[in-house]
């Protein structure tokens, strides 16, 4: 998947202190779920947080990070989860 960032996503990464390495980890280890309007939300579930902690203990602090990916592969926004992600 060719990933590129929108200007909004770049601004949110800077504002929220989310490094590009966290985005790479999300894309490698994250679980995706359908979101609205054809987008996907990518996040770490419990199993993937444990796998990430084994692979890179320093990145474990970013376990509550998520990103929204458009259908064309563009990262629309990134953030820190404060609520559960509803599963359908």
PDB file of N, CA and C in Angstrom:
ATOM      1  N   UNK A   1       0.841  -1.174   0.000  1.00  0.00           N
ATOM      2  CA  UNK A   1       0.000   0.000   0.000  1.00  0.00           C
ATOM      3  C   UNK A   1       0.887   1.237   0.000  1.00  0.00           C
ATOM      4  N   UNK A   2       0.749   2.064  -1.006  1.00  0.00           N
ATOM      5  CA  UNK A   2       1.502   3.311  -1.060  1.00  0.00           C
ATOM      6  C   UNK A   2       0.860   4.305  -0.102  1.00  0.00           C
ATOM      7  N   UNK A   3       1.612   4.738   0.890  1.00  0.00           N
ATOM      8  CA  UNK A   3       1.061   5.614   1.909  1.00  0.00           C
ATOM      9  C   UNK A   3       1.638   7.005   1.764  1.00  0.00           C
ATOM     10  N   UNK A   4       0.769   7.970   1.752  1.00  0.00           N
ATOM     11  CA  UNK A   4       1.196   9.358   1.793  1.00  0.00           C
ATOM     12  C   UNK A   4       0.303  10.090   2.788  1.00  0.00           C
ATOM     13  N   UNK A   5       0.775  11.215   3.268  1.00  0.00           N
ATOM     14  CA  UNK A   5       0.092  11.950   4.319  1.00  0.00           C
ATOM     15  C   UNK A   5      -0.572  13.196   3.746  1.00  0.00           C
ATOM     16  N   UNK A   6      -1.776  13.466   4.194  1.00  0.00           N
ATOM     17  CA  UNK A   6      -2.409  14.730   3.861  1.00  0.00           C
ATOM     18  C   UNK A   6      -1.788  15.813   4.738  1.00  0.00           C
ATOM     19  N   UNK A   7      -2.023  17.048   4.371  1.00  0.00           N
ATOM     20  CA  UNK A   7      -1.513  18.163   5.184  1.00  0.00           C
ATOM     21  C   UNK A   7      -2.108  18.106   6.590  1.00  0.00           C
ATOM     22  N   UNK A   8      -3.363  17.706   6.685  1.00  0.00           N
ATOM     23  CA  UNK A   8      -4.016  17.579   7.990  1.00  0.00           C
ATOM     24  C   UNK A   8      -3.303  16.539   8.852  1.00  0.00           C
ATOM     25  N   UNK A   9      -2.967  15.410   8.254  1.00  0.00           N
ATOM     26  CA  UNK A   9      -2.286  14.353   9.002  1.00  0.00           C
ATOM     27  C   UNK A   9      -0.903  14.807   9.466  1.00  0.00           C
ATOM     28  N   UNK A  10      -0.178  15.508   8.607  1.00  0.00           N
ATOM     29  CA  UNK A  10       1.142  16.016   9.013  1.00  0.00           C
ATOM     30  C   UNK A  10       1.025  16.993  10.174  1.00  0.00           C
ATOM     31  N   UNK A  11       0.036  17.857  10.113  1.00  0.00           N
ATOM     32  CA  UNK A  11      -0.170  18.825  11.200  1.00  0.00           C
ATOM     33  C   UNK A  11      -0.523  18.111  12.494  1.00  0.00           C
ATOM     34  N   UNK A  12      -1.384  17.104  12.428  1.00  0.00           N
ATOM     35  CA  UNK A  12      -1.780  16.375  13.638  1.00  0.00           C
ATOM     36  C   UNK A  12      -0.616  15.565  14.214  1.00  0.00           C
ATOM     37  N   UNK A  13       0.229  15.017  13.346  1.00  0.00           N
ATOM     38  CA  UNK A  13       1.410  14.294  13.837  1.00  0.00           C
ATOM     39  C   UNK A  13       2.300  15.229  14.640  1.00  0.00           C
ATOM     40  N   UNK A  14       2.499  16.423  14.137  1.00  0.00           N
ATOM     41  CA  UNK A  14       3.350  17.386  14.829  1.00  0.00           C
ATOM     42  C   UNK A  14       2.694  17.865  16.120  1.00  0.00           C
ATOM     43  N   UNK A  15       1.419  18.189  16.073  1.00  0.00           N
ATOM     44  CA  UNK A  15       0.717  18.697  17.246  1.00  0.00           C
ATOM     45  C   UNK A  15       0.625  17.662  18.358  1.00  0.00           C
ATOM     46  N   UNK A  16       0.461  16.406  17.994  1.00  0.00           N
ATOM     47  CA  UNK A  16       0.242  15.347  18.981  1.00  0.00           C
ATOM     48  C   UNK A  16       1.505  14.569  19.321  1.00  0.00           C
ATOM     49  N   UNK A  17       2.617  14.928  18.729  1.00  0.00           N
ATOM     50  CA  UNK A  17       3.886  14.287  19.050  1.00  0.00           C
ATOM     51  C   UNK A  17       3.979  12.840  18.615  1.00  0.00           C
ATOM     52  N   UNK A  18       3.445  12.546  17.456  1.00  0.00           N
ATOM     53  CA  UNK A  18       3.462  11.183  16.933  1.00  0.00           C
ATOM     54  C   UNK A  18       4.521  11.117  15.835  1.00  0.00           C
ATOM     55  N   UNK A  19       5.603  10.359  16.060  1.00  0.00           N
ATOM     56  CA  UNK A  19       6.671  10.292  15.064  1.00  0.00           C
ATOM     57  C   UNK A  19       6.297   9.388  13.884  1.00  0.00           C
ATOM     58  N   UNK A  20       6.963   9.565  12.753  1.00  0.00           N
ATOM     59  CA  UNK A  20       6.703   8.695  11.598  1.00  0.00           C
ATOM     60  C   UNK A  20       6.954   7.214  11.899  1.00  0.00           C
ATOM     61  N   UNK A  21       7.842   6.920  12.840  1.00  0.00           N
ATOM     62  CA  UNK A  21       8.089   5.514  13.217  1.00  0.00           C
ATOM     63  C   UNK A  21       6.835   4.874  13.806  1.00  0.00           C
ATOM     64  N   UNK A  22       6.031   5.651  14.494  1.00  0.00           N
ATOM     65  CA  UNK A  22       4.784   5.125  15.044  1.00  0.00           C
ATOM     66  C   UNK A  22       3.816   4.767  13.931  1.00  0.00           C
ATOM     67  N   UNK A  23       3.812   5.547  12.878  1.00  0.00           N
ATOM     68  CA  UNK A  23       2.943   5.259  11.731  1.00  0.00           C
ATOM     69  C   UNK A  23       3.397   3.968  11.057  1.00  0.00           C
ATOM     70  N   UNK A  24       4.713   3.798  10.922  1.00  0.00           N
ATOM     71  CA  UNK A  24       5.238   2.561  10.342  1.00  0.00           C
ATOM     72  C   UNK A  24       4.854   1.356  11.192  1.00  0.00           C
ATOM     73  N   UNK A  25       4.961   1.493  12.519  1.00  0.00           N
ATOM     74  CA  UNK A  25       4.590   0.395  13.411  1.00  0.00           C
ATOM     75  C   UNK A  25       3.100   0.089  13.300  1.00  0.00           C
ATOM     76  N   UNK A  26       2.278   1.115  13.200  1.00  0.00           N
ATOM     77  CA  UNK A  26       0.838   0.895  13.030  1.00  0.00           C
ATOM     78  C   UNK A  26       0.548   0.145  11.739  1.00  0.00           C
ATOM     79  N   UNK A  27       1.196   0.545  10.685  1.00  0.00           N
ATOM     80  CA  UNK A  27       0.947  -0.118   9.408  1.00  0.00           C
ATOM     81  C   UNK A  27       1.480  -1.550   9.400  1.00  0.00           C
ATOM     82  N   UNK A  28       2.553  -1.825  10.164  1.00  0.00           N
ATOM     83  CA  UNK A  28       3.112  -3.177  10.227  1.00  0.00           C
ATOM     84  C   UNK A  28       2.342  -4.085  11.187  1.00  0.00           C
ATOM     85  N   UNK A  29       2.019  -3.585  12.379  1.00  0.00           N
ATOM     86  CA  UNK A  29       1.444  -4.412  13.438  1.00  0.00           C
ATOM     87  C   UNK A  29      -0.022  -4.122  13.737  1.00  0.00           C
ATOM     88  N   UNK A  30      -0.564  -3.065  13.179  1.00  0.00           N
ATOM     89  CA  UNK A  30      -1.909  -2.631  13.540  1.00  0.00           C
ATOM     90  C   UNK A  30      -3.012  -3.479  12.946  1.00  0.00           C
ATOM     91  N   UNK A  31      -4.164  -3.380  13.565  1.00  0.00           N
ATOM     92  CA  UNK A  31      -5.365  -4.056  13.096  1.00  0.00           C
ATOM     93  C   UNK A  31      -6.253  -3.005  12.465  1.00  0.00           C
ATOM     94  N   UNK A  32      -6.852  -3.321  11.347  1.00  0.00           N
ATOM     95  CA  UNK A  32      -7.706  -2.335  10.691  1.00  0.00           C
ATOM     96  C   UNK A  32      -9.160  -2.741  10.829  1.00  0.00           C
ATOM     97  N   UNK A  33      -9.980  -1.727  10.895  1.00  0.00           N
ATOM     98  CA  UNK A  33     -11.413  -1.912  10.999  1.00  0.00           C
ATOM     99  C   UNK A  33     -12.080  -0.871  10.118  1.00  0.00           C
ATOM    100  N   UNK A  34     -13.234  -1.197   9.598  1.00  0.00           N
ATOM    101  CA  UNK A  34     -13.928  -0.238   8.743  1.00  0.00           C
ATOM    102  C   UNK A  34     -14.384   0.964   9.543  1.00  0.00           C
ATOM    103  N   UNK A  35     -14.204   2.110   8.966  1.00  0.00           N
ATOM    104  CA  UNK A  35     -14.722   3.348   9.544  1.00  0.00           C
ATOM    105  C   UNK A  35     -15.758   3.897   8.569  1.00  0.00           C
ATOM    106  N   UNK A  36     -16.174   5.083   8.780  1.00  0.00           N
ATOM    107  CA  UNK A  36     -17.192   5.672   7.921  1.00  0.00           C
ATOM    108  C   UNK A  36     -16.634   6.095   6.572  1.00  0.00           C
ATOM    109  N   UNK A  37     -17.518   6.205   5.620  1.00  0.00           N
ATOM    110  CA  UNK A  37     -17.233   6.733   4.284  1.00  0.00           C
ATOM    111  C   UNK A  37     -16.091   6.029   3.559  1.00  0.00           C
ATOM    112  N   UNK A  38     -15.991   4.719   3.698  1.00  0.00           N
ATOM    113  CA  UNK A  38     -14.997   3.964   2.950  1.00  0.00           C
ATOM    114  C   UNK A  38     -13.587   4.020   3.503  1.00  0.00           C
ATOM    115  N   UNK A  39     -13.404   4.600   4.661  1.00  0.00           N
ATOM    116  CA  UNK A  39     -12.080   4.694   5.280  1.00  0.00           C
ATOM    117  C   UNK A  39     -11.862   3.527   6.234  1.00  0.00           C
ATOM    118  N   UNK A  40     -10.624   3.365   6.656  1.00  0.00           N
ATOM    119  CA  UNK A  40     -10.279   2.352   7.651  1.00  0.00           C
ATOM    120  C   UNK A  40      -9.571   3.015   8.807  1.00  0.00           C
ATOM    121  N   UNK A  41      -9.820   2.500  10.003  1.00  0.00           N
ATOM    122  CA  UNK A  41      -9.089   2.940  11.174  1.00  0.00           C
ATOM    123  C   UNK A  41      -8.091   1.842  11.507  1.00  0.00           C
ATOM    124  N   UNK A  42      -6.856   2.217  11.728  1.00  0.00           N
ATOM    125  CA  UNK A  42      -5.793   1.267  12.049  1.00  0.00           C
ATOM    126  C   UNK A  42      -5.340   1.554  13.478  1.00  0.00           C
ATOM    127  N   UNK A  43      -5.324   0.521  14.313  1.00  0.00           N
ATOM    128  CA  UNK A  43      -5.011   0.678  15.722  1.00  0.00           C
ATOM    129  C   UNK A  43      -4.333  -0.583  16.224  1.00  0.00           C
ATOM    130  N   UNK A  44      -3.836  -0.538  17.440  1.00  0.00           N
ATOM    131  CA  UNK A  44      -3.238  -1.700  18.071  1.00  0.00           C
ATOM    132  C   UNK A  44      -4.272  -2.357  18.970  1.00  0.00           C
ATOM    133  N   UNK A  45      -4.562  -3.637  18.732  1.00  0.00           N
ATOM    134  CA  UNK A  45      -5.401  -4.358  19.677  1.00  0.00           C
ATOM    135  C   UNK A  45      -4.497  -4.992  20.734  1.00  0.00           C
ATOM    136  N   UNK A  46      -5.077  -5.700  21.652  1.00  0.00           N
ATOM    137  CA  UNK A  46      -4.322  -6.231  22.790  1.00  0.00           C
ATOM    138  C   UNK A  46      -3.181  -7.151  22.343  1.00  0.00           C
ATOM    139  N   UNK A  47      -3.455  -8.032  21.412  1.00  0.00           N
ATOM    140  CA  UNK A  47      -2.443  -8.966  20.931  1.00  0.00           C
ATOM    141  C   UNK A  47      -1.291  -8.234  20.236  1.00  0.00           C
ATOM    142  N   UNK A  48      -1.627  -7.257  19.436  1.00  0.00           N
ATOM    143  CA  UNK A  48      -0.598  -6.524  18.708  1.00  0.00           C
ATOM    144  C   UNK A  48       0.215  -5.608  19.619  1.00  0.00           C
ATOM    145  N   UNK A  49      -0.397  -5.094  20.689  1.00  0.00           N
ATOM    146  CA  UNK A  49       0.372  -4.298  21.650  1.00  0.00           C
ATOM    147  C   UNK A  49       1.437  -5.157  22.312  1.00  0.00           C
ATOM    148  N   UNK A  50       1.101  -6.414  22.645  1.00  0.00           N
ATOM    149  CA  UNK A  50       2.082  -7.328  23.239  1.00  0.00           C
ATOM    150  C   UNK A  50       3.175  -7.665  22.231  1.00  0.00           C
ATOM    151  N   UNK A  51       2.800  -7.894  20.984  1.00  0.00           N
ATOM    152  CA  UNK A  51       3.779  -8.205  19.943  1.00  0.00           C
ATOM    153  C   UNK A  51       4.711  -7.018  19.695  1.00  0.00           C
ATOM    154  N   UNK A  52       4.154  -5.818  19.705  1.00  0.00           N
ATOM    155  CA  UNK A  52       4.947  -4.616  19.527  1.00  0.00           C
ATOM    156  C   UNK A  52       5.913  -4.408  20.691  1.00  0.00           C
ATOM    157  N   UNK A  53       5.454  -4.683  21.908  1.00  0.00           N
ATOM    158  CA  UNK A  53       6.317  -4.527  23.086  1.00  0.00           C
ATOM    159  C   UNK A  53       7.512  -5.472  23.020  1.00  0.00           C
ATOM    160  N   UNK A  54       7.316  -6.665  22.477  1.00  0.00           N
ATOM    161  CA  UNK A  54       8.434  -7.593  22.302  1.00  0.00           C
ATOM    162  C   UNK A  54       9.397  -7.100  21.223  1.00  0.00           C
ATOM    163  N   UNK A  55       8.844  -6.621  20.127  1.00  0.00           N
ATOM    164  CA  UNK A  55       9.670  -6.205  18.998  1.00  0.00           C
ATOM    165  C   UNK A  55      10.419  -4.915  19.285  1.00  0.00           C
ATOM    166  N   UNK A  56       9.769  -3.965  19.935  1.00  0.00           N
ATOM    167  CA  UNK A  56      10.387  -2.665  20.200  1.00  0.00           C
ATOM    168  C   UNK A  56       9.809  -2.083  21.486  1.00  0.00           C
ATOM    169  N   UNK A  57      10.466  -2.305  22.620  1.00  0.00           N
ATOM    170  CA  UNK A  57       9.927  -1.815  23.898  1.00  0.00           C
ATOM    171  C   UNK A  57       9.755  -0.296  23.946  1.00  0.00           C
ATOM    172  N   UNK A  58      10.585   0.449  23.228  1.00  0.00           N
ATOM    173  CA  UNK A  58      10.462   1.911  23.236  1.00  0.00           C
ATOM    174  C   UNK A  58       9.189   2.370  22.537  1.00  0.00           C
ATOM    175  N   UNK A  59       8.722   1.619  21.582  1.00  0.00           N
ATOM    176  CA  UNK A  59       7.517   1.990  20.844  1.00  0.00           C
ATOM    177  C   UNK A  59       6.243   1.610  21.578  1.00  0.00           C
ATOM    178  N   UNK A  60       6.354   0.882  22.677  1.00  0.00           N
ATOM    179  CA  UNK A  60       5.173   0.444  23.413  1.00  0.00           C
ATOM    180  C   UNK A  60       4.401   1.617  23.995  1.00  0.00           C
ATOM    181  N   UNK A  61       5.052   2.755  24.191  1.00  0.00           N
ATOM    182  CA  UNK A  61       4.337   3.908  24.742  1.00  0.00           C
ATOM    183  C   UNK A  61       3.353   4.489  23.743  1.00  0.00           C
ATOM    184  N   UNK A  62       3.473   4.125  22.495  1.00  0.00           N
ATOM    185  CA  UNK A  62       2.569   4.605  21.457  1.00  0.00           C
ATOM    186  C   UNK A  62       1.430   3.629  21.180  1.00  0.00           C
ATOM    187  N   UNK A  63       1.139   2.759  22.129  1.00  0.00           N
ATOM    188  CA  UNK A  63       0.174   1.687  21.916  1.00  0.00           C
ATOM    189  C   UNK A  63      -1.251   2.192  21.730  1.00  0.00           C
ATOM    190  N   UNK A  64      -1.563   3.389  22.174  1.00  0.00           N
ATOM    191  CA  UNK A  64      -2.921   3.914  22.044  1.00  0.00           C
ATOM    192  C   UNK A  64      -3.063   4.871  20.857  1.00  0.00           C
ATOM    193  N   UNK A  65      -2.155   4.777  19.921  1.00  0.00           N
ATOM    194  CA  UNK A  65      -2.176   5.615  18.734  1.00  0.00           C
ATOM    195  C   UNK A  65      -3.046   4.960  17.662  1.00  0.00           C
ATOM    196  N   UNK A  66      -3.707   5.780  16.865  1.00  0.00           N
ATOM    197  CA  UNK A  66      -4.497   5.266  15.748  1.00  0.00           C
ATOM    198  C   UNK A  66      -4.296   6.164  14.536  1.00  0.00           C
ATOM    199  N   UNK A  67      -4.699   5.667  13.397  1.00  0.00           N
ATOM    200  CA  UNK A  67      -4.705   6.487  12.199  1.00  0.00           C
ATOM    201  C   UNK A  67      -5.889   6.114  11.324  1.00  0.00           C
ATOM    202  N   UNK A  68      -6.313   7.073  10.530  1.00  0.00           N
ATOM    203  CA  UNK A  68      -7.407   6.863   9.587  1.00  0.00           C
ATOM    204  C   UNK A  68      -6.809   6.893   8.183  1.00  0.00           C
ATOM    205  N   UNK A  69      -7.089   5.837   7.415  1.00  0.00           N
ATOM    206  CA  UNK A  69      -6.564   5.702   6.059  1.00  0.00           C
ATOM    207  C   UNK A  69      -7.723   5.737   5.075  1.00  0.00           C
ATOM    208  N   UNK A  70      -7.586   6.550   4.036  1.00  0.00           N
ATOM    209  CA  UNK A  70      -8.602   6.630   2.985  1.00  0.00           C
ATOM    210  C   UNK A  70      -8.491   5.416   2.077  1.00  0.00           C
ATOM    211  N   UNK A  71      -9.464   5.246   1.223  1.00  0.00           N
ATOM    212  CA  UNK A  71      -9.475   4.094   0.325  1.00  0.00           C
ATOM    213  C   UNK A  71      -8.333   4.138  -0.689  1.00  0.00           C
ATOM    214  N   UNK A  72      -7.784   5.320  -0.962  1.00  0.00           N
ATOM    215  CA  UNK A  72      -6.664   5.426  -1.899  1.00  0.00           C
ATOM    216  C   UNK A  72      -5.304   5.286  -1.215  1.00  0.00           C
ATOM    217  N   UNK A  73      -5.276   5.030   0.100  1.00  0.00           N
ATOM    218  CA  UNK A  73      -4.027   4.809   0.819  1.00  0.00           C
ATOM    219  C   UNK A  73      -3.481   6.030   1.522  1.00  0.00           C
ATOM    220  N   UNK A  74      -4.158   7.152   1.434  1.00  0.00           N
ATOM    221  CA  UNK A  74      -3.694   8.379   2.086  1.00  0.00           C
ATOM    222  C   UNK A  74      -4.026   8.337   3.572  1.00  0.00           C
ATOM    223  N   UNK A  75      -3.076   8.733   4.408  1.00  0.00           N
ATOM    224  CA  UNK A  75      -3.322   8.850   5.840  1.00  0.00           C
ATOM    225  C   UNK A  75      -4.022  10.185   6.051  1.00  0.00           C
ATOM    226  N   UNK A  76      -5.269  10.139   6.533  1.00  0.00           N
ATOM    227  CA  UNK A  76      -6.053  11.348   6.698  1.00  0.00           C
ATOM    228  C   UNK A  76      -5.777  12.056   8.012  1.00  0.00           C
ATOM    229  N   UNK A  77      -5.680  11.293   9.098  1.00  0.00           N
ATOM    230  CA  UNK A  77      -5.405  11.879  10.398  1.00  0.00           C
ATOM    231  C   UNK A  77      -4.817  10.826  11.324  1.00  0.00           C
ATOM    232  N   UNK A  78      -4.183  11.281  12.380  1.00  0.00           N
ATOM    233  CA  UNK A  78      -3.618  10.401  13.408  1.00  0.00           C
ATOM    234  C   UNK A  78      -3.987  10.979  14.765  1.00  0.00           C
ATOM    235  N   UNK A  79      -3.979  10.122  15.774  1.00  0.00           N
ATOM    236  CA  UNK A  79      -4.317  10.603  17.111  1.00  0.00           C
ATOM    237  C   UNK A  79      -4.043   9.565  18.167  1.00  0.00           C
ATOM    238  N   UNK A  80      -4.405   9.923  19.402  1.00  0.00           N
ATOM    239  CA  UNK A  80      -4.294   9.028  20.546  1.00  0.00           C
ATOM    240  C   UNK A  80      -5.707   8.642  20.970  1.00  0.00           C
ATOM    241  N   UNK A  81      -5.935   7.346  21.123  1.00  0.00           N
ATOM    242  CA  UNK A  81      -7.261   6.886  21.508  1.00  0.00           C
ATOM    243  C   UNK A  81      -7.538   7.228  22.962  1.00  0.00           C
ATOM    244  N   UNK A  82      -8.748   7.712  23.218  1.00  0.00           N
ATOM    245  CA  UNK A  82      -9.210   7.930  24.583  1.00  0.00           C
ATOM    246  C   UNK A  82     -10.458   7.105  24.854  1.00  0.00           C
ATOM    247  N   UNK A  83     -11.018   6.519  23.807  1.00  0.00           N
ATOM    248  CA  UNK A  83     -12.215   5.679  23.921  1.00  0.00           C
ATOM    249  C   UNK A  83     -11.978   4.366  23.186  1.00  0.00           C
ATOM    250  N   UNK A  84     -12.841   3.408  23.469  1.00  0.00           N
ATOM    251  CA  UNK A  84     -12.783   2.142  22.764  1.00  0.00           C
ATOM    252  C   UNK A  84     -13.224   2.323  21.318  1.00  0.00           C
ATOM    253  N   UNK A  85     -12.709   1.485  20.464  1.00  0.00           N
ATOM    254  CA  UNK A  85     -13.109   1.514  19.065  1.00  0.00           C
ATOM    255  C   UNK A  85     -14.255   0.522  18.895  1.00  0.00           C
ATOM    256  N   UNK A  86     -15.419   0.980  18.433  1.00  0.00           N
ATOM    257  CA  UNK A  86     -16.555   0.059  18.280  1.00  0.00           C
ATOM    258  C   UNK A  86     -16.268  -0.973  17.195  1.00  0.00           C
ATOM    259  N   UNK A  87     -16.632  -2.197  17.470  1.00  0.00           N
ATOM    260  CA  UNK A  87     -16.428  -3.290  16.516  1.00  0.00           C
ATOM    261  C   UNK A  87     -17.770  -3.697  15.962  1.00  0.00           C
ATOM    262  N   UNK A  88     -17.801  -3.959  14.692  1.00  0.00           N
ATOM    263  CA  UNK A  88     -19.073  -4.373  14.092  1.00  0.00           C
ATOM    264  C   UNK A  88     -19.088  -5.844  13.804  1.00  0.00           C
TER     265      UNK A  88
END
